[in-house]
Amino acid sequence: MRKRFVAKKRRKKWKLRYLFYVVLIYFVYQFMFGYVLSLKIAHNNEDFLKAMLRDSNHHLLYEKNSETLFTKVTNFLTQIDITKPLTIIEKGFFYEEKKTEQVAKTSADGDQEKMPETKYVSDPNPTQVAMTPRVYIYNTHQLENYSMTNLEVYNITPNVMMTSYLLREKLNHQGISTIVEEANFKEYMQANPWVGKDQYKVSRQFLTQTLKAYPNMDLMIDLHRDAIKKTASTWSDGTKNYAKVLFVVGTAYDGYEKNLELANLFHQKINAKYPGLSRGVMQKEGTGVNGIYNQDVSSNMLLIECGGYENTIDEVANTTDILAAIITEYLGEAHEV
């Protein structure tokens, strides 16, 4: 009888101890969760853009904090550095990555439609337009997105418009006056009897208007995001990952040779310094493709596919550093000539 009573008492103690550990784990988890969310996060596109530009590693989604005993223990137990929240994104600590359907073709012809659309991004850092901008950046397909993994909660929109704003800021910092097309192409299409294949008609209207206002523009860039898997769209220098670039040239118009020459020049300049970062130059015409891409408007036009739908905005931002340097170099050489 006594043994049975002792056994029951032990089971009761074990249950109480188990309950204690469960409660303890719960409160530790809640504390960790609250601590991470209390960090200064970039809650919108404006804060995110400024944070990306402040830090050469593009990891300032959150403000950095000094390492404490708590962070050391957390890092050891979870393999996540909560002072570097990019690791939270990479580990998928709070959210699971959304699976997306692979698309076979490049997005220059609108094949991004199988991908989930993001939203229009208004200028996160409006600046006064210089009297004589030298570079005009626009996005025929404004809603082409990059990886949204774990960014939805932060109200950040990692799409090609954000890439344009990043590239503009870096070029302006280099002393190259640059403007980005801010008109909402989707709204413009809805106001006209146009469908998806007419997107180049929309961008053409704004392109020609810009050239009328600034006839001496040195370079026009139509930035896209390609529709290929990350293994094909990512390049590494051993320390950082970059979104690969591809230059697309339509050949269904007279005089395309000059645009092709310009695209080849940029491809060569990039791969001379960063071998493999440029995927090359793709010439396109024929059934099922646009074949012109508004490049008949000027010989100083580039269509650049920057990364793929699985690339992160950090990888894209790393590439804009290089693009800004190459464009600055090119414009310096062109000015000397």
C-alpha atoms as a PDB file:
ATOM      1  CA  MET A   1       0.000   0.000   0.000  1.00  0.00           C
ATOM      2  CA  ARG A   2       2.826   2.384   0.939  1.00  0.00           C
ATOM      3  CA  LYS A   3       4.696   1.571  -2.308  1.00  0.00           C
ATOM      4  CA  ARG A   4       1.602   2.358  -4.347  1.00  0.00           C
ATOM      5  CA  PHE A   5       1.231   5.673  -2.526  1.00  0.00           C
ATOM      6  CA  VAL A   6       4.926   6.544  -3.159  1.00  0.00           C
ATOM      7  CA  ALA A   7       4.559   5.673  -6.862  1.00  0.00           C
ATOM      8  CA  LYS A   8       1.498   7.938  -7.177  1.00  0.00           C
ATOM      9  CA  LYS A   9       3.374  10.729  -5.413  1.00  0.00           C
ATOM     10  CA  ARG A  10       6.317  10.375  -7.775  1.00  0.00           C
ATOM     11  CA  ARG A  11       4.012  10.447 -10.808  1.00  0.00           C
ATOM     12  CA  LYS A  12       2.400  13.602  -9.457  1.00  0.00           C
ATOM     13  CA  LYS A  13       5.813  15.245  -8.967  1.00  0.00           C
ATOM     14  CA  TRP A  14       6.851  14.216 -12.485  1.00  0.00           C
ATOM     15  CA  LYS A  15       3.667  15.739 -13.952  1.00  0.00           C
ATOM     16  CA  LEU A  16       4.226  18.963 -12.026  1.00  0.00           C
ATOM     17  CA  ARG A  17       7.834  19.097 -13.220  1.00  0.00           C
ATOM     18  CA  TYR A  18       6.739  18.459 -16.804  1.00  0.00           C
ATOM     19  CA  LEU A  19       4.139  21.210 -16.553  1.00  0.00           C
ATOM     20  CA  PHE A  20       6.767  23.568 -15.133  1.00  0.00           C
ATOM     21  CA  TYR A  21       9.084  22.945 -18.102  1.00  0.00           C
ATOM     22  CA  VAL A  22       6.255  23.443 -20.582  1.00  0.00           C
ATOM     23  CA  VAL A  23       5.330  26.772 -18.972  1.00  0.00           C
ATOM     24  CA  LEU A  24       9.006  27.800 -18.830  1.00  0.00           C
ATOM     25  CA  ILE A  25       9.542  26.999 -22.532  1.00  0.00           C
ATOM     26  CA  TYR A  26       6.376  28.922 -23.396  1.00  0.00           C
ATOM     27  CA  PHE A  27       7.520  32.056 -21.564  1.00  0.00           C
ATOM     28  CA  VAL A  28      11.034  31.841 -23.027  1.00  0.00           C
ATOM     29  CA  TYR A  29       9.528  31.566 -26.499  1.00  0.00           C
ATOM     30  CA  GLN A  30       7.222  34.519 -25.867  1.00  0.00           C
ATOM     31  CA  PHE A  31      10.159  36.562 -24.599  1.00  0.00           C
ATOM     32  CA  MET A  32      12.280  35.723 -27.643  1.00  0.00           C
ATOM     33  CA  PHE A  33       9.402  36.482 -30.009  1.00  0.00           C
ATOM     34  CA  GLY A  34       8.696  39.802 -28.324  1.00  0.00           C
ATOM     35  CA  TYR A  35      12.374  40.718 -28.296  1.00  0.00           C
ATOM     36  CA  VAL A  36      12.778  40.147 -32.014  1.00  0.00           C
ATOM     37  CA  LEU A  37       9.651  42.131 -32.843  1.00  0.00           C
ATOM     38  CA  SER A  38      10.798  44.957 -30.573  1.00  0.00           C
ATOM     39  CA  LEU A  39      13.887  45.522 -32.730  1.00  0.00           C
ATOM     40  CA  LYS A  40      13.710  48.561 -34.969  1.00  0.00           C
ATOM     41  CA  ILE A  41      12.353  47.026 -38.149  1.00  0.00           C
ATOM     42  CA  ALA A  42      11.968  48.665 -41.523  1.00  0.00           C
ATOM     43  CA  HIS A  43       8.191  48.733 -41.564  1.00  0.00           C
ATOM     44  CA  ASN A  44       7.731  50.230 -45.029  1.00  0.00           C
ATOM     45  CA  ASN A  45       9.412  50.707 -48.383  1.00  0.00           C
ATOM     46  CA  GLU A  46      10.840  54.118 -47.476  1.00  0.00           C
ATOM     47  CA  ASP A  47      12.589  52.882 -44.328  1.00  0.00           C
ATOM     48  CA  PHE A  48      13.705  49.747 -46.149  1.00  0.00           C
ATOM     49  CA  LEU A  49      15.253  51.685 -49.036  1.00  0.00           C
ATOM     50  CA  LYS A  50      17.134  53.998 -46.680  1.00  0.00           C
ATOM     51  CA  ALA A  51      18.319  51.045 -44.618  1.00  0.00           C
ATOM     52  CA  MET A  52      19.551  49.207 -47.714  1.00  0.00           C
ATOM     53  CA  LEU A  53      21.498  52.277 -48.792  1.00  0.00           C
ATOM     54  CA  ARG A  54      23.035  52.837 -45.343  1.00  0.00           C
ATOM     55  CA  ASP A  55      24.639  49.417 -45.169  1.00  0.00           C
ATOM     56  CA  SER A  56      26.945  47.982 -47.829  1.00  0.00           C
ATOM     57  CA  ASN A  57      25.856  44.446 -46.886  1.00  0.00           C
ATOM     58  CA  HIS A  58      22.154  45.356 -47.308  1.00  0.00           C
ATOM     59  CA  HIS A  59      21.224  43.603 -44.073  1.00  0.00           C
ATOM     60  CA  LEU A  60      19.656  46.555 -42.265  1.00  0.00           C
ATOM     61  CA  LEU A  61      16.074  45.378 -42.255  1.00  0.00           C
ATOM     62  CA  TYR A  62      16.520  45.915 -38.554  1.00  0.00           C
ATOM     63  CA  GLU A  63      18.831  48.105 -36.494  1.00  0.00           C
ATOM     64  CA  LYS A  64      21.935  46.250 -35.310  1.00  0.00           C
ATOM     65  CA  ASN A  65      22.368  45.618 -31.582  1.00  0.00           C
ATOM     66  CA  SER A  66      25.389  44.610 -29.524  1.00  0.00           C
ATOM     67  CA  GLU A  67      25.667  40.938 -28.610  1.00  0.00           C
ATOM     68  CA  THR A  68      24.532  39.971 -25.124  1.00  0.00           C
ATOM     69  CA  LEU A  69      24.494  36.737 -23.139  1.00  0.00           C
ATOM     70  CA  PHE A  70      20.860  36.302 -24.202  1.00  0.00           C
ATOM     71  CA  THR A  71      21.701  36.677 -27.905  1.00  0.00           C
ATOM     72  CA  LYS A  72      24.623  34.252 -27.577  1.00  0.00           C
ATOM     73  CA  VAL A  73      22.408  31.591 -25.999  1.00  0.00           C
ATOM     74  CA  THR A  74      19.661  32.190 -28.567  1.00  0.00           C
ATOM     75  CA  ASN A  75      22.147  31.973 -31.454  1.00  0.00           C
ATOM     76  CA  PHE A  76      23.517  28.702 -30.096  1.00  0.00           C
ATOM     77  CA  LEU A  77      20.124  27.078 -29.538  1.00  0.00           C
ATOM     78  CA  THR A  78      18.389  28.214 -32.732  1.00  0.00           C
ATOM     79  CA  GLN A  79      21.304  28.806 -35.127  1.00  0.00           C
ATOM     80  CA  ILE A  80      19.670  32.186 -35.771  1.00  0.00           C
ATOM     81  CA  ASP A  81      21.395  35.490 -35.043  1.00  0.00           C
ATOM     82  CA  ILE A  82      18.542  37.734 -33.888  1.00  0.00           C
ATOM     83  CA  THR A  83      20.790  40.798 -34.280  1.00  0.00           C
ATOM     84  CA  LYS A  84      21.064  39.927 -37.984  1.00  0.00           C
ATOM     85  CA  PRO A  85      17.487  39.216 -39.005  1.00  0.00           C
ATOM     86  CA  LEU A  86      18.495  38.171 -42.518  1.00  0.00           C
ATOM     87  CA  THR A  87      19.235  34.829 -40.814  1.00  0.00           C
ATOM     88  CA  ILE A  88      15.631  34.743 -39.607  1.00  0.00           C
ATOM     89  CA  ILE A  89      14.496  35.207 -43.195  1.00  0.00           C
ATOM     90  CA  GLU A  90      16.925  32.563 -44.486  1.00  0.00           C
ATOM     91  CA  LYS A  91      15.948  30.028 -41.811  1.00  0.00           C
ATOM     92  CA  GLY A  92      12.240  30.694 -42.249  1.00  0.00           C
ATOM     93  CA  PHE A  93      11.921  31.123 -38.466  1.00  0.00           C
ATOM     94  CA  PHE A  94       8.476  32.725 -38.503  1.00  0.00           C
ATOM     95  CA  TYR A  95       7.048  31.743 -41.857  1.00  0.00           C
ATOM     96  CA  GLU A  96       7.358  28.988 -44.400  1.00  0.00           C
ATOM     97  CA  GLU A  97       8.438  29.858 -47.923  1.00  0.00           C
ATOM     98  CA  LYS A  98       5.593  30.012 -50.388  1.00  0.00           C
ATOM     99  CA  LYS A  99       6.072  27.607 -53.246  1.00  0.00           C
ATOM    100  CA  THR A 100       5.821  29.213 -56.674  1.00  0.00           C
ATOM    101  CA  GLU A 101       5.351  27.703 -60.060  1.00  0.00           C
ATOM    102  CA  GLN A 102       8.373  27.572 -62.332  1.00  0.00           C
ATOM    103  CA  VAL A 103       8.037  29.563 -65.532  1.00  0.00           C
ATOM    104  CA  ALA A 104      10.092  28.623 -68.546  1.00  0.00           C
ATOM    105  CA  LYS A 105      10.455  31.825 -70.572  1.00  0.00           C
ATOM    106  CA  THR A 106      12.031  35.191 -69.864  1.00  0.00           C
ATOM    107  CA  SER A 107       9.697  37.815 -68.479  1.00  0.00           C
ATOM    108  CA  ALA A 108      10.406  40.430 -71.160  1.00  0.00           C
ATOM    109  CA  ASP A 109       7.397  39.078 -73.060  1.00  0.00           C
ATOM    110  CA  GLY A 110       5.047  39.038 -70.095  1.00  0.00           C
ATOM    111  CA  ASP A 111       5.524  35.440 -68.964  1.00  0.00           C
ATOM    112  CA  GLN A 112       5.558  36.628 -65.353  1.00  0.00           C
ATOM    113  CA  GLU A 113       1.769  36.405 -65.286  1.00  0.00           C
ATOM    114  CA  LYS A 114       1.956  32.913 -63.726  1.00  0.00           C
ATOM    115  CA  MET A 115       3.719  34.440 -60.725  1.00  0.00           C
ATOM    116  CA  PRO A 116       1.873  36.118 -57.825  1.00  0.00           C
ATOM    117  CA  GLU A 117       1.770  39.873 -58.422  1.00  0.00           C
ATOM    118  CA  THR A 118       3.038  42.395 -55.918  1.00  0.00           C
ATOM    119  CA  LYS A 119       1.731  45.928 -55.710  1.00  0.00           C
ATOM    120  CA  TYR A 120       2.710  49.255 -57.218  1.00  0.00           C
ATOM    121  CA  VAL A 121       5.521  50.928 -55.265  1.00  0.00           C
ATOM    122  CA  SER A 122       5.411  54.694 -54.946  1.00  0.00           C
ATOM    123  CA  ASP A 123       8.735  56.474 -54.686  1.00  0.00           C
ATOM    124  CA  PRO A 124      10.115  55.713 -51.193  1.00  0.00           C
ATOM    125  CA  ASN A 125      12.543  58.642 -51.357  1.00  0.00           C
ATOM    126  CA  PRO A 126      11.173  61.440 -53.581  1.00  0.00           C
ATOM    127  CA  THR A 127      13.860  63.834 -54.743  1.00  0.00           C
ATOM    128  CA  GLN A 128      13.834  66.930 -56.875  1.00  0.00           C
ATOM    129  CA  VAL A 129      14.464  66.113 -60.532  1.00  0.00           C
ATOM    130  CA  ALA A 130      17.678  67.586 -61.884  1.00  0.00           C
ATOM    131  CA  MET A 131      17.437  69.913 -64.846  1.00  0.00           C
ATOM    132  CA  THR A 132      19.320  67.476 -67.062  1.00  0.00           C
ATOM    133  CA  PRO A 133      18.949  63.833 -65.958  1.00  0.00           C
ATOM    134  CA  ARG A 134      21.269  61.462 -67.779  1.00  0.00           C
ATOM    135  CA  VAL A 135      19.614  58.113 -67.029  1.00  0.00           C
ATOM    136  CA  TYR A 136      15.929  57.153 -67.217  1.00  0.00           C
ATOM    137  CA  ILE A 137      14.833  53.889 -65.570  1.00  0.00           C
ATOM    138  CA  TYR A 138      11.394  52.359 -66.004  1.00  0.00           C
ATOM    139  CA  ASN A 139       9.658  48.999 -65.665  1.00  0.00           C
ATOM    140  CA  THR A 140       7.350  47.839 -68.436  1.00  0.00           C
ATOM    141  CA  HIS A 141       6.241  45.056 -66.079  1.00  0.00           C
ATOM    142  CA  GLN A 142       6.083  47.005 -62.840  1.00  0.00           C
ATOM    143  CA  LEU A 143       4.655  44.194 -60.713  1.00  0.00           C
ATOM    144  CA  GLU A 144       7.329  41.562 -61.339  1.00  0.00           C
ATOM    145  CA  ASN A 145       8.277  40.402 -57.863  1.00  0.00           C
ATOM    146  CA  TYR A 146      11.221  38.870 -56.087  1.00  0.00           C
ATOM    147  CA  SER A 147      11.052  36.440 -53.164  1.00  0.00           C
ATOM    148  CA  MET A 148       8.401  37.557 -50.685  1.00  0.00           C
ATOM    149  CA  THR A 149       9.516  35.045 -48.070  1.00  0.00           C
ATOM    150  CA  ASN A 150       9.048  36.498 -44.577  1.00  0.00           C
ATOM    151  CA  LEU A 151       8.731  40.085 -45.829  1.00  0.00           C
ATOM    152  CA  GLU A 152       4.942  40.408 -45.973  1.00  0.00           C
ATOM    153  CA  VAL A 153       4.652  41.315 -42.294  1.00  0.00           C
ATOM    154  CA  TYR A 154       7.098  44.197 -42.740  1.00  0.00           C
ATOM    155  CA  ASN A 155       5.066  45.905 -45.494  1.00  0.00           C
ATOM    156  CA  ILE A 156       8.066  45.743 -47.843  1.00  0.00           C
ATOM    157  CA  THR A 157       7.498  45.204 -51.560  1.00  0.00           C
ATOM    158  CA  PRO A 158      10.518  43.524 -53.170  1.00  0.00           C
ATOM    159  CA  ASN A 159       9.756  44.003 -56.849  1.00  0.00           C
ATOM    160  CA  VAL A 160      11.402  45.531 -59.914  1.00  0.00           C
ATOM    161  CA  MET A 161      10.199  49.025 -59.022  1.00  0.00           C
ATOM    162  CA  MET A 162      12.144  48.786 -55.776  1.00  0.00           C
ATOM    163  CA  THR A 163      15.159  47.695 -57.846  1.00  0.00           C
ATOM    164  CA  SER A 164      14.775  50.808 -60.002  1.00  0.00           C
ATOM    165  CA  TYR A 165      14.676  53.076 -56.958  1.00  0.00           C
ATOM    166  CA  LEU A 166      17.755  51.375 -55.498  1.00  0.00           C
ATOM    167  CA  LEU A 167      19.678  51.769 -58.762  1.00  0.00           C
ATOM    168  CA  ARG A 168      18.613  55.408 -59.045  1.00  0.00           C
ATOM    169  CA  GLU A 169      19.838  56.223 -55.541  1.00  0.00           C
ATOM    170  CA  LYS A 170      23.203  54.600 -56.191  1.00  0.00           C
ATOM    171  CA  LEU A 171      23.655  56.366 -59.520  1.00  0.00           C
ATOM    172  CA  ASN A 172      22.713  59.718 -57.999  1.00  0.00           C
ATOM    173  CA  HIS A 173      25.263  59.043 -55.276  1.00  0.00           C
ATOM    174  CA  GLN A 174      27.841  58.533 -58.032  1.00  0.00           C
ATOM    175  CA  GLY A 175      26.931  61.935 -59.485  1.00  0.00           C
ATOM    176  CA  ILE A 176      24.870  60.466 -62.357  1.00  0.00           C
ATOM    177  CA  SER A 177      21.529  62.275 -62.344  1.00  0.00           C
ATOM    178  CA  THR A 178      18.869  59.566 -62.681  1.00  0.00           C
ATOM    179  CA  ILE A 179      15.078  59.495 -62.734  1.00  0.00           C
ATOM    180  CA  VAL A 180      12.604  56.623 -62.355  1.00  0.00           C
ATOM    181  CA  GLU A 181       9.215  56.415 -64.051  1.00  0.00           C
ATOM    182  CA  GLU A 182       6.599  56.633 -61.290  1.00  0.00           C
ATOM    183  CA  ALA A 183       3.389  56.414 -63.332  1.00  0.00           C
ATOM    184  CA  ASN A 184       1.179  53.470 -62.385  1.00  0.00           C
ATOM    185  CA  PHE A 185       1.081  51.435 -65.624  1.00  0.00           C
ATOM    186  CA  LYS A 186      -1.618  49.060 -64.360  1.00  0.00           C
ATOM    187  CA  GLU A 187      -4.005  51.935 -63.662  1.00  0.00           C
ATOM    188  CA  TYR A 188      -3.153  53.473 -67.024  1.00  0.00           C
ATOM    189  CA  MET A 189      -3.996  50.205 -68.788  1.00  0.00           C
ATOM    190  CA  GLN A 190      -7.269  49.888 -66.919  1.00  0.00           C
ATOM    191  CA  ALA A 191      -8.237  53.363 -68.115  1.00  0.00           C
ATOM    192  CA  ASN A 192      -7.700  52.221 -71.705  1.00  0.00           C
ATOM    193  CA  PRO A 193      -9.012  49.155 -73.576  1.00  0.00           C
ATOM    194  CA  TRP A 194      -5.653  47.373 -73.255  1.00  0.00           C
ATOM    195  CA  VAL A 195      -4.635  43.910 -72.069  1.00  0.00           C
ATOM    196  CA  GLY A 196      -1.399  42.378 -70.815  1.00  0.00           C
ATOM    197  CA  LYS A 197       0.283  42.174 -74.215  1.00  0.00           C
ATOM    198  CA  ASP A 198      -0.149  45.945 -74.588  1.00  0.00           C
ATOM    199  CA  GLN A 199       2.175  46.789 -71.699  1.00  0.00           C
ATOM    200  CA  TYR A 200       4.920  47.923 -74.068  1.00  0.00           C
ATOM    201  CA  LYS A 201       2.436  50.408 -75.576  1.00  0.00           C
ATOM    202  CA  VAL A 202       2.056  51.943 -72.131  1.00  0.00           C
ATOM    203  CA  SER A 203       5.771  52.163 -71.376  1.00  0.00           C
ATOM    204  CA  ARG A 204       6.394  53.504 -74.887  1.00  0.00           C
ATOM    205  CA  GLN A 205       4.102  56.459 -74.257  1.00  0.00           C
ATOM    206  CA  PHE A 206       5.948  57.436 -71.092  1.00  0.00           C
ATOM    207  CA  LEU A 207       9.323  56.737 -72.685  1.00  0.00           C
ATOM    208  CA  THR A 208       8.644  59.067 -75.626  1.00  0.00           C
ATOM    209  CA  GLN A 209       7.255  61.751 -73.301  1.00  0.00           C
ATOM    210  CA  THR A 210      10.418  61.592 -71.198  1.00  0.00           C
ATOM    211  CA  LEU A 211      12.637  61.866 -74.261  1.00  0.00           C
ATOM    212  CA  LYS A 212      10.672  64.911 -75.407  1.00  0.00           C
ATOM    213  CA  ALA A 213      11.259  66.539 -72.035  1.00  0.00           C
ATOM    214  CA  TYR A 214      14.920  65.441 -71.878  1.00  0.00           C
ATOM    215  CA  PRO A 215      16.137  64.898 -75.466  1.00  0.00           C
ATOM    216  CA  ASN A 216      19.782  64.536 -74.406  1.00  0.00           C
ATOM    217  CA  MET A 217      19.203  61.518 -72.161  1.00  0.00           C
ATOM    218  CA  ASP A 218      22.325  59.329 -72.237  1.00  0.00           C
ATOM    219  CA  LEU A 219      20.806  55.990 -71.247  1.00  0.00           C
ATOM    220  CA  MET A 220      17.354  54.418 -70.892  1.00  0.00           C
ATOM    221  CA  ILE A 221      16.899  51.181 -68.954  1.00  0.00           C
ATOM    222  CA  ASP A 222      13.849  48.931 -68.878  1.00  0.00           C
ATOM    223  CA  LEU A 223      14.357  46.774 -65.770  1.00  0.00           C
ATOM    224  CA  HIS A 224      12.708  43.357 -65.525  1.00  0.00           C
ATOM    225  CA  ARG A 225      12.882  40.270 -63.327  1.00  0.00           C
ATOM    226  CA  ASP A 226      13.402  36.976 -65.116  1.00  0.00           C
ATOM    227  CA  ALA A 227      11.272  33.859 -64.643  1.00  0.00           C
ATOM    228  CA  ILE A 228      13.969  31.278 -63.921  1.00  0.00           C
ATOM    229  CA  LYS A 229      14.881  29.244 -60.834  1.00  0.00           C
ATOM    230  CA  LYS A 230      17.369  30.555 -58.283  1.00  0.00           C
ATOM    231  CA  THR A 231      20.102  28.107 -59.253  1.00  0.00           C
ATOM    232  CA  ALA A 232      20.223  29.749 -62.685  1.00  0.00           C
ATOM    233  CA  SER A 233      19.676  33.333 -61.521  1.00  0.00           C
ATOM    234  CA  THR A 234      22.250  33.606 -58.710  1.00  0.00           C
ATOM    235  CA  TRP A 235      25.991  34.286 -58.749  1.00  0.00           C
ATOM    236  CA  SER A 236      28.414  34.386 -55.817  1.00  0.00           C
ATOM    237  CA  ASP A 237      31.813  35.984 -55.361  1.00  0.00           C
ATOM    238  CA  GLY A 238      32.497  33.714 -52.407  1.00  0.00           C
ATOM    239  CA  THR A 239      31.262  36.143 -49.772  1.00  0.00           C
ATOM    240  CA  LYS A 240      27.963  37.511 -51.103  1.00  0.00           C
ATOM    241  CA  ASN A 241      25.243  36.341 -53.472  1.00  0.00           C
ATOM    242  CA  TYR A 242      24.136  38.429 -56.447  1.00  0.00           C
ATOM    243  CA  ALA A 243      21.202  38.309 -58.839  1.00  0.00           C
ATOM    244  CA  LYS A 244      22.486  37.529 -62.334  1.00  0.00           C
ATOM    245  CA  VAL A 245      21.627  39.843 -65.208  1.00  0.00           C
ATOM    246  CA  LEU A 246      20.589  39.109 -68.777  1.00  0.00           C
ATOM    247  CA  PHE A 247      20.439  41.649 -71.615  1.00  0.00           C
ATOM    248  CA  VAL A 248      17.555  41.257 -74.074  1.00  0.00           C
ATOM    249  CA  VAL A 249      17.663  42.824 -77.531  1.00  0.00           C
ATOM    250  CA  GLY A 250      14.781  42.766 -79.974  1.00  0.00           C
ATOM    251  CA  THR A 251      15.836  42.305 -83.591  1.00  0.00           C
ATOM    252  CA  ALA A 252      12.492  42.860 -85.361  1.00  0.00           C
ATOM    253  CA  TYR A 253      13.255  46.449 -86.394  1.00  0.00           C
ATOM    254  CA  ASP A 254      15.796  48.291 -88.515  1.00  0.00           C
ATOM    255  CA  GLY A 255      18.875  49.516 -86.698  1.00  0.00           C
ATOM    256  CA  TYR A 256      18.833  46.973 -83.864  1.00  0.00           C
ATOM    257  CA  GLU A 257      22.568  46.416 -84.416  1.00  0.00           C
ATOM    258  CA  LYS A 258      23.418  49.514 -82.345  1.00  0.00           C
ATOM    259  CA  ASN A 259      21.305  48.334 -79.436  1.00  0.00           C
ATOM    260  CA  LEU A 260      22.925  44.914 -79.725  1.00  0.00           C
ATOM    261  CA  GLU A 261      26.366  46.528 -79.653  1.00  0.00           C
ATOM    262  CA  LEU A 262      25.453  48.431 -76.474  1.00  0.00           C
ATOM    263  CA  ALA A 263      24.101  45.300 -74.760  1.00  0.00           C
ATOM    264  CA  ASN A 264      27.225  43.319 -75.687  1.00  0.00           C
ATOM    265  CA  LEU A 265      29.411  46.124 -74.339  1.00  0.00           C
ATOM    266  CA  PHE A 266      27.687  46.042 -70.943  1.00  0.00           C
ATOM    267  CA  HIS A 267      27.783  42.239 -70.857  1.00  0.00           C
ATOM    268  CA  GLN A 268      31.525  42.277 -71.526  1.00  0.00           C
ATOM    269  CA  LYS A 269      32.231  45.022 -68.998  1.00  0.00           C
ATOM    270  CA  ILE A 270      30.382  43.152 -66.251  1.00  0.00           C
ATOM    271  CA  ASN A 271      31.928  39.747 -66.922  1.00  0.00           C
ATOM    272  CA  ALA A 272      35.411  41.219 -67.276  1.00  0.00           C
ATOM    273  CA  LYS A 273      35.236  42.182 -63.590  1.00  0.00           C
ATOM    274  CA  TYR A 274      32.682  39.678 -62.314  1.00  0.00           C
ATOM    275  CA  PRO A 275      32.909  36.555 -64.504  1.00  0.00           C
ATOM    276  CA  GLY A 276      29.546  34.839 -64.757  1.00  0.00           C
ATOM    277  CA  LEU A 277      27.409  37.609 -63.259  1.00  0.00           C
ATOM    278  CA  SER A 278      26.017  38.422 -66.708  1.00  0.00           C
ATOM    279  CA  ARG A 279      24.196  35.561 -68.391  1.00  0.00           C
ATOM    280  CA  GLY A 280      24.819  37.123 -71.785  1.00  0.00           C
ATOM    281  CA  VAL A 281      22.785  38.848 -74.494  1.00  0.00           C
ATOM    282  CA  MET A 282      19.589  37.273 -75.800  1.00  0.00           C
ATOM    283  CA  GLN A 283      18.332  38.322 -79.232  1.00  0.00           C
ATOM    284  CA  LYS A 284      14.583  37.912 -79.695  1.00  0.00           C
ATOM    285  CA  GLU A 285      12.132  38.089 -82.567  1.00  0.00           C
ATOM    286  CA  GLY A 286       9.477  35.899 -84.136  1.00  0.00           C
ATOM    287  CA  THR A 287       6.198  34.340 -83.081  1.00  0.00           C
ATOM    288  CA  GLY A 288       5.192  34.768 -79.462  1.00  0.00           C
ATOM    289  CA  VAL A 289       7.672  37.524 -78.571  1.00  0.00           C
ATOM    290  CA  ASN A 290       7.554  41.302 -78.814  1.00  0.00           C
ATOM    291  CA  GLY A 291      10.754  41.533 -80.846  1.00  0.00           C
ATOM    292  CA  ILE A 292      11.077  45.323 -80.437  1.00  0.00           C
ATOM    293  CA  TYR A 293      10.691  46.181 -76.737  1.00  0.00           C
ATOM    294  CA  ASN A 294      10.605  49.908 -77.630  1.00  0.00           C
ATOM    295  CA  GLN A 295      14.300  49.748 -78.467  1.00  0.00           C
ATOM    296  CA  ASP A 296      13.546  51.270 -81.858  1.00  0.00           C
ATOM    297  CA  VAL A 297      12.992  54.563 -80.032  1.00  0.00           C
ATOM    298  CA  SER A 298      16.705  54.981 -79.268  1.00  0.00           C
ATOM    299  CA  SER A 299      19.999  53.181 -79.683  1.00  0.00           C
ATOM    300  CA  ASN A 300      20.835  54.114 -76.081  1.00  0.00           C
ATOM    301  CA  MET A 301      18.409  51.620 -74.591  1.00  0.00           C
ATOM    302  CA  LEU A 302      18.965  48.545 -72.459  1.00  0.00           C
ATOM    303  CA  LEU A 303      16.482  45.884 -71.388  1.00  0.00           C
ATOM    304  CA  ILE A 304      17.925  44.162 -68.328  1.00  0.00           C
ATOM    305  CA  GLU A 305      16.527  41.067 -66.645  1.00  0.00           C
ATOM    306  CA  CYS A 306      17.857  41.358 -63.074  1.00  0.00           C
ATOM    307  CA  GLY A 307      17.608  38.120 -61.133  1.00  0.00           C
ATOM    308  CA  GLY A 308      14.712  35.673 -60.949  1.00  0.00           C
ATOM    309  CA  TYR A 309      11.573  35.311 -58.876  1.00  0.00           C
ATOM    310  CA  GLU A 310      13.371  33.347 -56.154  1.00  0.00           C
ATOM    311  CA  ASN A 311      16.131  35.902 -55.611  1.00  0.00           C
ATOM    312  CA  THR A 312      15.995  38.016 -52.467  1.00  0.00           C
ATOM    313  CA  ILE A 313      16.014  41.799 -52.546  1.00  0.00           C
ATOM    314  CA  ASP A 314      19.426  41.666 -50.836  1.00  0.00           C
ATOM    315  CA  GLU A 315      20.877  39.755 -53.780  1.00  0.00           C
ATOM    316  CA  VAL A 316      19.278  42.197 -56.208  1.00  0.00           C
ATOM    317  CA  ALA A 317      20.627  45.165 -54.224  1.00  0.00           C
ATOM    318  CA  ASN A 318      24.140  43.689 -54.392  1.00  0.00           C
ATOM    319  CA  THR A 319      23.794  43.586 -58.171  1.00  0.00           C
ATOM    320  CA  THR A 320      22.626  47.202 -58.353  1.00  0.00           C
ATOM    321  CA  ASP A 321      25.936  48.186 -56.732  1.00  0.00           C
ATOM    322  CA  ILE A 322      27.750  46.648 -59.685  1.00  0.00           C
ATOM    323  CA  LEU A 323      25.323  47.976 -62.297  1.00  0.00           C
ATOM    324  CA  ALA A 324      25.722  51.504 -60.904  1.00  0.00           C
ATOM    325  CA  ALA A 325      29.512  51.221 -61.113  1.00  0.00           C
ATOM    326  CA  ILE A 326      29.423  49.856 -64.683  1.00  0.00           C
ATOM    327  CA  ILE A 327      26.942  52.523 -65.854  1.00  0.00           C
ATOM    328  CA  THR A 328      29.072  55.265 -64.281  1.00  0.00           C
ATOM    329  CA  GLU A 329      32.150  53.888 -66.024  1.00  0.00           C
ATOM    330  CA  TYR A 330      30.335  53.680 -69.364  1.00  0.00           C
ATOM    331  CA  LEU A 331      28.948  57.211 -69.176  1.00  0.00           C
ATOM    332  CA  GLY A 332      32.376  58.530 -68.236  1.00  0.00           C
ATOM    333  CA  GLU A 333      33.875  56.891 -71.322  1.00  0.00           C
ATOM    334  CA  ALA A 334      31.020  58.116 -73.540  1.00  0.00           C
ATOM    335  CA  HIS A 335      31.498  61.676 -72.243  1.00  0.00           C
ATOM    336  CA  GLU A 336      35.218  61.545 -73.043  1.00  0.00           C
ATOM    337  CA  VAL A 337      34.434  60.505 -76.622  1.00  0.00           C
END
